[in-house]
Amino acid sequence: MKIFITGGSGLLGQYLNRTLSKHYNILTQYNEHIGNCNEFKSIKLSLIDFEKLESVINEFKPNIIVHTAAISNAHRAENYPSSYVYNINVNVTKKLAELCDKIGAKLIYISTDLVYAGYRGSYLNENSKLIPISLYAETKLMGEIKIQETFDNYLILRQALLFGFGLNHSKCFFQEIYEKLKSNMPIKLFTNQYRSPLEISDAARMILELINKDIKKEIINFGGQERLSRYQLGEFLCEEAGFDKSLLIGTTMEEENYPYIIHDVSLNIDKLKSFGVCPKSVKESIREILKSN
């Protein structure tokens, strides 16, 4: 089986390169940063160059495209013109869906838990109310819609907050927590936003498991088992690593003037588990992270 990975130098993409290449023939795409793509069959490509993108897809003829590339968080999206964010997050997604439909490939699209209304309660299921409040989340939801309008050979994964250690240039908030606590420095963490954190390498493993199953035309919540705030995640890290919990400073989104107030997008992952795919617990994942670093 051939798999084309977009955003192969990103936080999740680099772990997908490692995981999927052990089982399948992959071609991984990068643009600004190479990450670990040079260790695999890869191509430097701007995804908004539709002519070249189509040429690459027609030549490689993938059975599956795993589309992780995006202007990938709310704060980063605000640094670009909205038209550019729309082009990357919506138009590229639509083009990939059209190309998949043309060549008979499946599209696995990495969306976000932030498409949900963040005030509707805990453990939201796939039918919960959708109210994206940032340009990033809005364009990710529009990407979902474009896929569904185009064809039915897709999996849309509404991914939760990823944590762990990024590879090469890529980093996430968890590394900042780890590095500060390890240096005995205090760190502020939100106490009033709840999500379903998922460790990065575990996310790659779970995507491999979904690839190995005959599933299509599904939207699936893609997160961890626990409903946690970032402060609680910091507490878990302190417990497993022996760091000083007094270094954790609880704060709220309101106190920090956070522009996107989303109190709870914790995910009900019953559908994911019904397909036989189950995430590791957060504490198990933290133990594995600490053991490998």
Protein backbone atom coordinates (compact mmCIF):
# COMPACT_ATOMS: atom_id res chain seq x y z
CA MET A 1 0.00 0.00 0.00
CA LYS A 2 1.17 3.52 -0.82
CA ILE A 3 0.51 6.41 1.57
CA PHE A 4 1.07 10.10 0.87
CA ILE A 5 1.53 12.17 4.05
CA THR A 6 1.04 15.93 3.97
CA GLY A 7 2.71 18.02 6.66
CA GLY A 8 5.35 15.34 7.08
CA SER A 9 7.69 17.67 8.96
CA GLY A 10 5.06 18.71 11.49
CA LEU A 11 4.46 17.62 15.08
CA LEU A 12 2.33 14.61 14.14
CA GLY A 13 3.71 14.19 10.63
CA GLN A 14 7.22 13.22 11.77
CA TYR A 15 5.82 10.48 14.00
CA LEU A 16 3.64 9.28 11.14
CA ASN A 17 6.75 9.07 8.95
CA ARG A 18 8.37 6.79 11.52
CA THR A 19 5.31 4.65 12.19
CA LEU A 20 3.76 4.23 8.75
CA SER A 21 7.08 3.68 6.93
CA LYS A 22 7.55 0.44 8.90
CA HIS A 23 4.48 -1.02 7.23
CA TYR A 24 3.84 0.83 3.97
CA ASN A 25 5.47 2.62 1.06
CA ILE A 26 5.24 6.28 2.07
CA LEU A 27 5.90 9.57 0.32
CA THR A 28 6.01 12.39 2.84
CA GLN A 29 5.59 16.06 1.94
CA TYR A 30 7.23 19.07 3.57
CA ASN A 31 7.66 22.71 2.64
CA GLU A 32 9.41 25.17 5.00
CA HIS A 33 11.11 22.70 7.38
CA ILE A 34 12.42 19.27 6.50
CA GLY A 35 12.20 17.70 9.98
CA ASN A 36 12.91 13.98 9.62
CA CYS A 37 11.52 13.81 6.07
CA ASN A 38 15.06 13.41 4.71
CA GLU A 39 15.12 9.97 6.37
CA PHE A 40 12.26 8.81 4.15
CA LYS A 41 11.03 9.07 0.58
CA SER A 42 9.98 12.71 0.58
CA ILE A 43 9.21 15.74 -1.55
CA LYS A 44 9.49 19.48 -0.96
CA LEU A 45 6.21 20.88 -2.19
CA SER A 46 3.96 23.86 -1.59
CA LEU A 47 0.49 22.33 -1.39
CA ILE A 48 -1.07 25.45 -2.89
CA ASP A 49 0.81 24.71 -6.12
CA PHE A 50 -2.13 22.63 -7.31
CA GLU A 51 -0.59 21.79 -10.66
CA LYS A 52 2.52 20.28 -9.07
CA LEU A 53 0.45 18.65 -6.31
CA GLU A 54 -1.72 16.90 -8.89
CA SER A 55 1.36 15.79 -10.80
CA VAL A 56 2.91 14.29 -7.66
CA ILE A 57 -0.31 12.46 -6.73
CA ASN A 58 -0.80 11.12 -10.26
CA GLU A 59 2.78 9.87 -10.37
CA PHE A 60 2.88 8.30 -6.88
CA LYS A 61 -0.71 6.97 -7.04
CA PRO A 62 -1.29 6.62 -3.27
CA ASN A 63 -3.97 4.34 -1.87
CA ILE A 64 -4.38 6.69 1.09
CA ILE A 65 -3.58 10.34 1.73
CA VAL A 66 -3.12 11.31 5.38
CA HIS A 67 -3.66 15.06 5.43
CA THR A 68 -2.06 16.64 8.50
CA ALA A 69 -0.79 19.86 6.88
CA ALA A 70 -2.48 23.06 8.03
CA ILE A 71 -1.97 26.46 9.55
CA SER A 72 -2.17 24.44 12.68
CA ASN A 73 -3.28 26.44 15.69
CA ALA A 74 -5.40 29.43 16.56
CA HIS A 75 -2.53 31.76 17.48
CA ARG A 76 -0.45 30.88 14.42
CA ALA A 77 -3.43 31.41 12.12
CA GLU A 78 -3.77 35.00 13.34
CA ASN A 79 -0.26 35.76 12.01
CA TYR A 80 -1.35 35.23 8.41
CA PRO A 81 -3.89 36.93 6.14
CA SER A 82 -7.22 35.14 6.48
CA SER A 83 -7.19 34.43 2.73
CA TYR A 84 -3.93 32.48 3.10
CA VAL A 85 -5.25 30.46 6.05
CA TYR A 86 -8.40 29.70 4.04
CA ASN A 87 -6.31 28.65 1.05
CA ILE A 88 -4.17 26.24 3.08
CA ASN A 89 -6.83 24.84 5.39
CA VAL A 90 -9.83 24.76 3.05
CA ASN A 91 -8.83 24.92 -0.62
CA VAL A 92 -5.95 22.46 -0.27
CA THR A 93 -8.23 20.04 1.58
CA LYS A 94 -10.86 20.32 -1.15
CA LYS A 95 -8.23 19.71 -3.84
CA LEU A 96 -6.92 16.62 -2.04
CA ALA A 97 -10.45 15.25 -1.73
CA GLU A 98 -10.98 15.77 -5.47
CA LEU A 99 -7.68 14.05 -6.27
CA CYS A 100 -8.55 11.13 -3.99
CA ASP A 101 -11.92 10.79 -5.67
CA LYS A 102 -10.24 10.85 -9.09
CA ILE A 103 -7.70 8.09 -8.33
CA GLY A 104 -9.84 6.01 -5.96
CA ALA A 105 -7.84 6.79 -2.80
CA LYS A 106 -9.00 7.28 0.79
CA LEU A 107 -8.48 10.62 2.53
CA ILE A 108 -7.72 10.67 6.26
CA TYR A 109 -8.16 14.27 7.39
CA ILE A 110 -6.84 15.58 10.70
CA SER A 111 -9.40 18.03 12.02
CA THR A 112 -9.63 19.41 15.57
CA ASP A 113 -11.66 19.16 18.76
CA LEU A 114 -11.91 22.96 18.61
CA VAL A 115 -14.74 22.73 16.06
CA TYR A 116 -17.08 21.98 18.98
CA ALA A 117 -18.92 24.48 21.14
CA GLY A 118 -16.78 24.81 24.23
CA TYR A 119 -19.61 25.53 26.65
CA ARG A 120 -21.93 22.56 26.13
CA GLY A 121 -20.53 20.19 28.76
CA SER A 122 -18.11 17.31 29.01
CA TYR A 123 -17.27 14.32 26.80
CA LEU A 124 -18.78 15.64 23.60
CA ASN A 125 -19.77 13.09 20.97
CA GLU A 126 -19.53 13.46 17.20
CA ASN A 127 -23.06 14.89 17.00
CA SER A 128 -22.44 17.66 19.52
CA LYS A 129 -22.96 21.30 18.61
CA LEU A 130 -20.29 22.82 16.36
CA ILE A 131 -19.27 26.42 17.07
CA PRO A 132 -15.65 27.09 16.05
CA ILE A 133 -14.61 30.45 17.50
CA SER A 134 -11.16 30.92 15.91
CA LEU A 135 -10.18 31.28 12.26
CA TYR A 136 -8.15 28.09 12.64
CA ALA A 137 -11.08 26.01 13.92
CA GLU A 138 -13.50 27.58 11.45
CA THR A 139 -11.33 26.71 8.46
CA LYS A 140 -10.72 23.17 9.76
CA LEU A 141 -14.50 22.67 9.94
CA MET A 142 -14.87 24.09 6.44
CA GLY A 143 -12.29 21.53 5.32
CA GLU A 144 -14.50 18.79 6.78
CA ILE A 145 -17.48 20.13 4.84
CA LYS A 146 -15.56 20.31 1.54
CA ILE A 147 -14.53 16.66 1.93
CA GLN A 148 -18.09 15.51 2.61
CA GLU A 149 -19.36 17.48 -0.37
CA THR A 150 -16.78 15.85 -2.65
CA PHE A 151 -16.91 12.09 -1.98
CA ASP A 152 -17.44 9.44 0.69
CA ASN A 153 -14.11 7.61 0.95
CA TYR A 154 -12.84 9.56 3.94
CA LEU A 155 -12.09 9.46 7.65
CA ILE A 156 -12.31 12.77 9.50
CA LEU A 157 -10.46 12.66 12.82
CA ARG A 158 -11.34 15.43 15.26
CA GLN A 159 -8.03 15.41 17.05
CA ALA A 160 -7.65 16.42 20.68
CA LEU A 161 -4.77 18.35 22.21
CA LEU A 162 -1.51 16.56 21.42
CA PHE A 163 1.21 16.29 24.04
CA GLY A 164 4.67 14.78 24.15
CA PHE A 165 8.09 15.63 22.78
CA GLY A 166 8.25 16.89 19.22
CA LEU A 167 11.02 15.83 16.86
CA ASN A 168 13.64 18.20 15.43
CA HIS A 169 12.20 21.73 15.11
CA SER A 170 8.64 20.83 16.16
CA LYS A 171 7.57 21.40 19.75
CA CYS A 172 4.41 21.51 21.79
CA PHE A 173 3.41 23.02 25.14
CA PHE A 174 4.23 19.82 27.04
CA GLN A 175 7.93 20.27 26.35
CA GLU A 176 7.83 23.77 27.81
CA ILE A 177 6.20 22.39 30.95
CA TYR A 178 8.80 19.62 31.20
CA GLU A 179 11.79 21.90 30.59
CA LYS A 180 10.67 24.52 33.11
CA LEU A 181 9.87 21.99 35.82
CA LYS A 182 13.14 20.18 35.22
CA SER A 183 14.94 23.51 35.71
CA ASN A 184 12.90 24.24 38.87
CA MET A 185 11.19 27.17 37.20
CA PRO A 186 7.51 28.01 37.83
CA ILE A 187 4.98 27.74 35.03
CA LYS A 188 1.43 29.02 34.64
CA LEU A 189 -1.15 26.50 33.44
CA PHE A 190 -4.87 26.83 32.74
CA THR A 191 -7.16 25.28 35.32
CA ASN A 192 -10.41 25.99 33.47
CA GLN A 193 -10.03 24.48 30.01
CA TYR A 194 -10.69 20.76 29.67
CA ARG A 195 -9.64 18.58 26.76
CA SER A 196 -8.75 14.92 26.10
CA PRO A 197 -4.95 14.98 25.72
CA LEU A 198 -3.40 12.44 23.34
CA GLU A 199 0.31 11.64 23.19
CA ILE A 200 1.82 12.24 19.74
CA SER A 201 3.40 8.85 19.08
CA ASP A 202 0.24 7.14 20.35
CA ALA A 203 -1.77 9.21 17.86
CA ALA A 204 0.46 7.90 15.06
CA ARG A 205 -0.04 4.32 16.28
CA MET A 206 -3.80 4.78 16.34
CA ILE A 207 -3.83 6.23 12.81
CA LEU A 208 -1.93 3.14 11.65
CA GLU A 209 -4.59 0.95 13.27
CA LEU A 210 -7.36 2.92 11.55
CA ILE A 211 -5.56 2.57 8.21
CA ASN A 212 -5.58 -1.20 8.70
CA LYS A 213 -9.37 -1.25 9.07
CA ASP A 214 -11.94 -0.91 6.30
CA ILE A 215 -13.64 2.24 7.57
CA LYS A 216 -14.93 5.10 5.47
CA LYS A 217 -17.43 7.97 5.54
CA GLU A 218 -16.91 8.47 9.27
CA ILE A 219 -16.23 11.41 11.56
CA ILE A 220 -14.43 10.16 14.66
CA ASN A 221 -13.40 11.88 17.88
CA PHE A 222 -9.67 11.23 18.14
CA GLY A 223 -8.45 11.83 21.66
CA GLY A 224 -7.31 10.34 24.92
CA GLN A 225 -9.33 8.65 27.63
CA GLU A 226 -9.18 11.36 30.30
CA ARG A 227 -10.77 14.79 30.68
CA LEU A 228 -7.95 17.01 31.92
CA SER A 229 -6.93 20.63 32.23
CA ARG A 230 -3.36 21.62 31.42
CA TYR A 231 -2.82 22.14 35.14
CA GLN A 232 -3.87 18.55 35.84
CA LEU A 233 -1.59 17.35 33.05
CA GLY A 234 1.23 19.25 34.78
CA GLU A 235 0.34 17.50 38.05
CA PHE A 236 0.53 14.11 36.32
CA LEU A 237 3.96 14.99 34.94
CA CYS A 238 5.18 16.06 38.41
CA GLU A 239 3.94 12.79 39.91
CA GLU A 240 5.65 10.63 37.28
CA ALA A 241 8.90 12.61 37.00
CA GLY A 242 9.27 13.61 40.66
CA PHE A 243 9.07 17.33 39.92
CA ASP A 244 7.95 19.88 42.52
CA LYS A 245 4.20 20.49 42.22
CA SER A 246 4.55 23.86 43.95
CA LEU A 247 6.12 25.14 40.71
CA LEU A 248 2.71 24.81 39.01
CA ILE A 249 0.76 28.06 39.06
CA GLY A 250 -2.93 27.68 38.32
CA THR A 251 -4.47 30.40 36.20
CA THR A 252 -7.54 30.89 34.02
CA MET A 253 -8.00 31.83 30.40
CA GLU A 254 -9.75 35.00 31.54
CA GLU A 255 -6.90 36.01 33.86
CA GLU A 256 -4.41 35.58 31.01
CA ASN A 257 -6.62 37.47 28.52
CA TYR A 258 -6.69 34.39 26.33
CA PRO A 259 -8.48 35.35 23.10
CA TYR A 260 -10.36 32.07 22.59
CA ILE A 261 -12.36 31.07 25.65
CA ILE A 262 -13.11 27.37 25.24
CA HIS A 263 -13.89 25.78 28.58
CA ASP A 264 -14.58 22.16 27.69
CA VAL A 265 -14.08 20.21 24.49
CA SER A 266 -13.31 16.90 26.18
CA LEU A 267 -14.24 14.07 23.85
CA ASN A 268 -16.44 11.02 24.05
CA ILE A 269 -14.32 8.41 22.22
CA ASP A 270 -16.81 5.54 22.27
CA LYS A 271 -16.95 5.49 18.46
CA LEU A 272 -13.17 5.29 18.20
CA LYS A 273 -13.08 2.42 20.69
CA SER A 274 -15.94 0.67 18.85
CA PHE A 275 -13.51 0.24 15.94
CA GLY A 276 -11.05 -1.47 18.27
CA VAL A 277 -8.73 1.54 18.62
CA CYS A 278 -7.94 2.62 22.16
CA PRO A 279 -5.49 5.27 23.40
CA LYS A 280 -3.06 4.69 26.23
CA SER A 281 -3.73 6.46 29.50
CA VAL A 282 -2.03 9.82 30.02
CA LYS A 283 0.09 8.50 32.89
CA GLU A 284 1.22 5.49 30.85
CA SER A 285 2.15 7.80 27.99
CA ILE A 286 4.08 10.15 30.31
CA ARG A 287 6.00 7.20 31.74
CA GLU A 288 6.97 6.10 28.22
CA ILE A 289 8.03 9.65 27.30
CA LEU A 290 10.23 9.90 30.39
CA LYS A 291 11.76 6.48 29.76
CA SER A 292 12.74 7.34 26.19
CA ASN A 293 14.25 10.77 26.99
